[in-house]
Every structure is written in C-alpha cells, then in structure tokens.
C-alpha atoms as a PDB file:
ATOM      1  CA  MET A   1       9.252  21.473 -10.947  1.00  0.00           C
ATOM      2  CA  ASP A   2      10.159  19.037  -8.191  1.00  0.00           C
ATOM      3  CA  LYS A   3      11.091  15.655  -9.714  1.00  0.00           C
ATOM      4  CA  PHE A   4       9.187  13.762  -7.036  1.00  0.00           C
ATOM      5  CA  LEU A   5       6.013  15.756  -7.636  1.00  0.00           C
ATOM      6  CA  GLU A   6       6.526  14.995 -11.341  1.00  0.00           C
ATOM      7  CA  ALA A   7       6.629  11.286 -10.457  1.00  0.00           C
ATOM      8  CA  ALA A   8       3.369  11.653  -8.505  1.00  0.00           C
ATOM      9  CA  ILE A   9       1.809  13.402 -11.520  1.00  0.00           C
ATOM     10  CA  GLU A  10       2.934  10.478 -13.712  1.00  0.00           C
ATOM     11  CA  GLU A  11       1.085   8.165 -11.328  1.00  0.00           C
ATOM     12  CA  ALA A  12      -2.023  10.373 -11.508  1.00  0.00           C
ATOM     13  CA  LYS A  13      -1.927  10.180 -15.295  1.00  0.00           C
ATOM     14  CA  LYS A  14      -1.633   6.372 -15.111  1.00  0.00           C
ATOM     15  CA  GLY A  15      -4.770   6.311 -13.010  1.00  0.00           C
ATOM     16  CA  MET A  16      -6.587   8.555 -15.466  1.00  0.00           C
ATOM     17  CA  ALA A  17      -5.492   6.353 -18.390  1.00  0.00           C
ATOM     18  CA  GLU A  18      -6.985   3.352 -16.537  1.00  0.00           C
ATOM     19  CA  GLY A  19     -10.317   5.178 -16.188  1.00  0.00           C
ATOM     20  CA  GLY A  20      -9.740   6.142 -12.563  1.00  0.00           C
ATOM     21  CA  ILE A  21      -9.439   9.305 -10.520  1.00  0.00           C
ATOM     22  CA  PRO A  22      -6.212  11.156 -11.450  1.00  0.00           C
ATOM     23  CA  ILE A  23      -4.462  11.322  -8.092  1.00  0.00           C
ATOM     24  CA  GLY A  24      -0.916  10.040  -7.683  1.00  0.00           C
ATOM     25  CA  SER A  25       1.555   9.624  -4.845  1.00  0.00           C
ATOM     26  CA  VAL A  26       5.174   8.666  -4.201  1.00  0.00           C
ATOM     27  CA  LEU A  27       7.063   7.954  -0.981  1.00  0.00           C
ATOM     28  CA  VAL A  28      10.634   9.221  -0.868  1.00  0.00           C
ATOM     29  CA  ILE A  29      13.402   8.265   1.550  1.00  0.00           C
ATOM     30  CA  ASN A  30      16.931   9.672   1.266  1.00  0.00           C
ATOM     31  CA  GLY A  31      16.262  11.098  -2.199  1.00  0.00           C
ATOM     32  CA  ARG A  32      14.928   7.817  -3.603  1.00  0.00           C
ATOM     33  CA  ILE A  33      11.382   6.762  -4.473  1.00  0.00           C
ATOM     34  CA  VAL A  34      10.590   3.659  -2.398  1.00  0.00           C
ATOM     35  CA  GLY A  35       6.884   3.442  -3.211  1.00  0.00           C
ATOM     36  CA  ARG A  36       4.491   4.796  -5.790  1.00  0.00           C
ATOM     37  CA  GLY A  37       0.800   4.501  -6.395  1.00  0.00           C
ATOM     38  CA  HIS A  38      -2.347   6.036  -7.755  1.00  0.00           C
ATOM     39  CA  ASN A  39      -6.014   6.100  -6.864  1.00  0.00           C
ATOM     40  CA  LYS A  40      -7.563   2.738  -7.803  1.00  0.00           C
ATOM     41  CA  ARG A  41     -11.015   3.041  -6.282  1.00  0.00           C
ATOM     42  CA  VAL A  42     -12.696   2.800  -9.688  1.00  0.00           C
ATOM     43  CA  GLN A  43     -10.356   0.246 -11.251  1.00  0.00           C
ATOM     44  CA  LYS A  44     -10.437  -2.162  -8.280  1.00  0.00           C
ATOM     45  CA  GLY A  45     -13.865  -1.290  -6.865  1.00  0.00           C
ATOM     46  CA  SER A  46     -11.996  -0.408  -3.679  1.00  0.00           C
ATOM     47  CA  ALA A  47     -13.185   1.652  -0.753  1.00  0.00           C
ATOM     48  CA  ILE A  48      -9.660   2.480   0.439  1.00  0.00           C
ATOM     49  CA  LEU A  49      -7.204   2.522  -2.470  1.00  0.00           C
ATOM     50  CA  HIS A  50      -6.563   6.224  -2.549  1.00  0.00           C
ATOM     51  CA  ALA A  51      -3.253   7.180  -4.157  1.00  0.00           C
ATOM     52  CA  GLU A  52      -1.454   7.539  -0.839  1.00  0.00           C
ATOM     53  CA  MET A  53      -2.736   4.194   0.467  1.00  0.00           C
ATOM     54  CA  ASP A  54      -1.736   2.461  -2.790  1.00  0.00           C
ATOM     55  CA  CYS A  55       1.690   4.088  -2.549  1.00  0.00           C
ATOM     56  CA  LEU A  56       2.236   2.959   1.056  1.00  0.00           C
ATOM     57  CA  GLU A  57       1.044  -0.553   0.189  1.00  0.00           C
ATOM     58  CA  ASN A  58       3.431  -0.707  -2.767  1.00  0.00           C
ATOM     59  CA  ALA A  59       6.318   0.502  -0.584  1.00  0.00           C
ATOM     60  CA  GLY A  60       5.824  -2.606   1.539  1.00  0.00           C
ATOM     61  CA  ARG A  61       6.699  -3.154   5.169  1.00  0.00           C
ATOM     62  CA  MET A  62       9.289  -0.800   6.567  1.00  0.00           C
ATOM     63  CA  LYS A  63      10.797   0.020   9.922  1.00  0.00           C
ATOM     64  CA  ALA A  64       9.450   2.938  11.920  1.00  0.00           C
ATOM     65  CA  SER A  65      12.869   4.570  11.560  1.00  0.00           C
ATOM     66  CA  ASP A  66      12.473   4.517   7.760  1.00  0.00           C
ATOM     67  CA  TYR A  67       9.074   6.233   7.880  1.00  0.00           C
ATOM     68  CA  ARG A  68      10.569   8.935  10.108  1.00  0.00           C
ATOM     69  CA  LYS A  69      12.957   9.833   7.239  1.00  0.00           C
ATOM     70  CA  ALA A  70      10.256   9.804   4.551  1.00  0.00           C
ATOM     71  CA  THR A  71       8.423  12.427   2.550  1.00  0.00           C
ATOM     72  CA  LEU A  72       5.042  11.578   1.063  1.00  0.00           C
ATOM     73  CA  TYR A  73       4.174  13.376  -2.169  1.00  0.00           C
ATOM     74  CA  SER A  74       0.575  13.515  -3.346  1.00  0.00           C
ATOM     75  CA  THR A  75      -0.951  15.395  -6.248  1.00  0.00           C
ATOM     76  CA  LEU A  76      -3.961  16.275  -4.056  1.00  0.00           C
ATOM     77  CA  SER A  77      -4.291  17.206  -0.392  1.00  0.00           C
ATOM     78  CA  PRO A  78      -4.597  13.924   1.530  1.00  0.00           C
ATOM     79  CA  CYS A  79      -8.009  13.079   2.976  1.00  0.00           C
ATOM     80  CA  ASP A  80      -8.657  12.084   6.604  1.00  0.00           C
ATOM     81  CA  MET A  81      -7.839   8.412   5.944  1.00  0.00           C
ATOM     82  CA  CYS A  82      -4.565   9.120   4.155  1.00  0.00           C
ATOM     83  CA  SER A  83      -3.593  11.815   6.638  1.00  0.00           C
ATOM     84  CA  GLY A  84      -4.230   9.270   9.388  1.00  0.00           C
ATOM     85  CA  ALA A  85      -1.755   6.902   7.741  1.00  0.00           C
ATOM     86  CA  VAL A  86       0.827   9.707   7.653  1.00  0.00           C
ATOM     87  CA  LEU A  87       0.331  10.259  11.379  1.00  0.00           C
ATOM     88  CA  MET A  88       0.232   6.552  12.224  1.00  0.00           C
ATOM     89  CA  TYR A  89       3.537   5.851  10.492  1.00  0.00           C
ATOM     90  CA  GLY A  90       5.221   9.036  11.693  1.00  0.00           C
ATOM     91  CA  ILE A  91       5.943  10.430   8.224  1.00  0.00           C
ATOM     92  CA  PRO A  92       7.319  13.900   9.006  1.00  0.00           C
ATOM     93  CA  ARG A  93       6.740  15.686   5.699  1.00  0.00           C
ATOM     94  CA  VAL A  94       3.961  15.799   3.109  1.00  0.00           C
ATOM     95  CA  VAL A  95       4.242  17.664  -0.181  1.00  0.00           C
ATOM     96  CA  ILE A  96       0.944  18.195  -1.966  1.00  0.00           C
ATOM     97  CA  GLY A  97       0.368  19.219  -5.552  1.00  0.00           C
ATOM     98  CA  GLU A  98      -2.711  21.289  -4.811  1.00  0.00           C
ATOM     99  CA  ASN A  99      -5.512  21.793  -2.305  1.00  0.00           C
ATOM    100  CA  ARG A 100      -7.972  23.992  -4.192  1.00  0.00           C
ATOM    101  CA  THR A 101      -9.927  21.040  -5.563  1.00  0.00           C
ATOM    102  CA  PHE A 102     -10.035  19.314  -2.176  1.00  0.00           C
ATOM    103  CA  ARG A 103      -8.469  20.206   1.132  1.00  0.00           C
ATOM    104  CA  GLY A 104      -7.856  17.481   3.671  1.00  0.00           C
ATOM    105  CA  PRO A 105      -7.133  18.062   7.370  1.00  0.00           C
ATOM    106  CA  GLU A 106      -3.875  19.912   6.708  1.00  0.00           C
ATOM    107  CA  ASP A 107      -4.123  22.130   9.790  1.00  0.00           C
ATOM    108  CA  TYR A 108      -4.625  19.116  12.053  1.00  0.00           C
ATOM    109  CA  VAL A 109      -1.731  17.252  10.430  1.00  0.00           C
ATOM    110  CA  ARG A 110       0.473  20.312  10.970  1.00  0.00           C
ATOM    111  CA  SER A 111      -0.664  20.510  14.606  1.00  0.00           C
ATOM    112  CA  GLN A 112       0.716  16.982  15.023  1.00  0.00           C
ATOM    113  CA  GLY A 113       4.184  18.114  13.931  1.00  0.00           C
ATOM    114  CA  VAL A 114       4.072  17.188  10.249  1.00  0.00           C
ATOM    115  CA  GLU A 115       5.489  19.661   7.751  1.00  0.00           C
ATOM    116  CA  VAL A 116       2.883  20.186   5.014  1.00  0.00           C
ATOM    117  CA  ILE A 117       3.978  21.948   1.834  1.00  0.00           C
ATOM    118  CA  ASN A 118       1.446  22.969  -0.823  1.00  0.00           C
ATOM    119  CA  MET A 119       3.020  23.378  -4.269  1.00  0.00           C
ATOM    120  CA  ASP A 120      -0.236  24.809  -5.720  1.00  0.00           C
ATOM    121  CA  ASN A 121       0.659  23.116  -9.008  1.00  0.00           C
ATOM    122  CA  GLN A 122      -1.406  24.062 -12.047  1.00  0.00           C
ATOM    123  CA  GLU A 123      -1.081  20.667 -13.753  1.00  0.00           C
ATOM    124  CA  CYS A 124      -2.369  18.880 -10.645  1.00  0.00           C
ATOM    125  CA  ARG A 125      -5.313  21.288 -10.492  1.00  0.00           C
ATOM    126  CA  GLN A 126      -6.074  20.864 -14.188  1.00  0.00           C
ATOM    127  CA  LEU A 127      -6.096  17.062 -13.926  1.00  0.00           C
ATOM    128  CA  MET A 128      -8.645  17.225 -11.115  1.00  0.00           C
ATOM    129  CA  ASP A 129     -10.761  20.016 -12.626  1.00  0.00           C
ATOM    130  CA  THR A 130     -11.093  18.075 -15.884  1.00  0.00           C
ATOM    131  CA  PHE A 131     -11.902  14.830 -14.092  1.00  0.00           C
ATOM    132  CA  ILE A 132     -14.530  16.434 -11.834  1.00  0.00           C
ATOM    133  CA  GLU A 133     -16.159  18.210 -14.768  1.00  0.00           C
ATOM    134  CA  ASN A 134     -16.369  14.956 -16.765  1.00  0.00           C
ATOM    135  CA  ASN A 135     -17.146  12.585 -13.846  1.00  0.00           C
ATOM    136  CA  PRO A 136     -19.041  14.462 -11.116  1.00  0.00           C
ATOM    137  CA  GLU A 137     -20.817  11.321  -9.874  1.00  0.00           C
ATOM    138  CA  VAL A 138     -17.542   9.455  -9.310  1.00  0.00           C
ATOM    139  CA  TRP A 139     -15.961  12.447  -7.590  1.00  0.00           C
ATOM    140  CA  ASN A 140     -18.969  12.983  -5.317  1.00  0.00           C
ATOM    141  CA  GLU A 141     -18.961   9.298  -4.375  1.00  0.00           C
ATOM    142  CA  ASP A 142     -15.287   9.468  -3.449  1.00  0.00           C
ATOM    143  CA  ILE A 143     -15.556  12.520  -1.239  1.00  0.00           C
ATOM    144  CA  GLY A 144     -18.794  11.382   0.400  1.00  0.00           C
ATOM    145  CA  GLU A 145     -21.194  13.908  -1.101  1.00  0.00           C
END
C-alpha cells in the first residue's frame, strides 16, 4: 500500500480513537508529509474541520508554488468544501482511499485539471462502514441528510 495513504489511515484511526469520524488526510510535497489531519467535527464541535481542512490548517501558510507541487491524500472522497480548497490552492493531485461510502465532486475537480486517483482501499471502506453503522446520526449530520 502507498505509504502516504497509510499515513492518512493512521490519522483516520486517531480521529476514531478520539470519538470522531474516521477520516484522515496528509499533504505531501516532494515526497515528504508537510501536513496531516483528521476529521474533528465531533471532537471540536466544528462545522468545518473535515480531515482535509485540518490537514491544510496544520500544514500552515505556504507559497502558491508549494501547493502546485503538492498531493493531497484523503481516506474518503473530498466533499464540496474540501474540493474547493484543493481548487483554491491549486493542488494538482488528490489521492483518495475510497469513494463508495461517499463521493464528492470528483468529476468537477477533474474538469478543473486536477488528477484524482481512487485507491478503492478496503481498510478505508471498512473504517467508514463501521462508523456509519454505529453512528448513523453523526454521519447524517455531517453529510447534510
């Protein structure tokens, strides 16, 4: 398995251990993780701390030229908000763990020139399936159901 996807899965497991939604993300530039994060909506009572947003926040301020060399890894297909951040910062590549549980606007992101790679990873799927089964009310709140 890809070592950066493994790092995102580690973040997802951290979130789960904290009682949150098991979604993790890492930002990679030149083969090095420069930011990592996990979904903290439950833990922080946040409306916006999805894994990708937490990851970008933890990476800190960077130059536009750095974002243009980056790859964002996420255990789950990024939602509209997180996909918007990818487009806003000009991140050229997104690697997702799976999109069966939830599929964000991948086709739109691709149409804007971003390479989107779906690893269809079983461990990512299992983390989400288990969480959704055990916490349907939290999941439905997060995806706006």
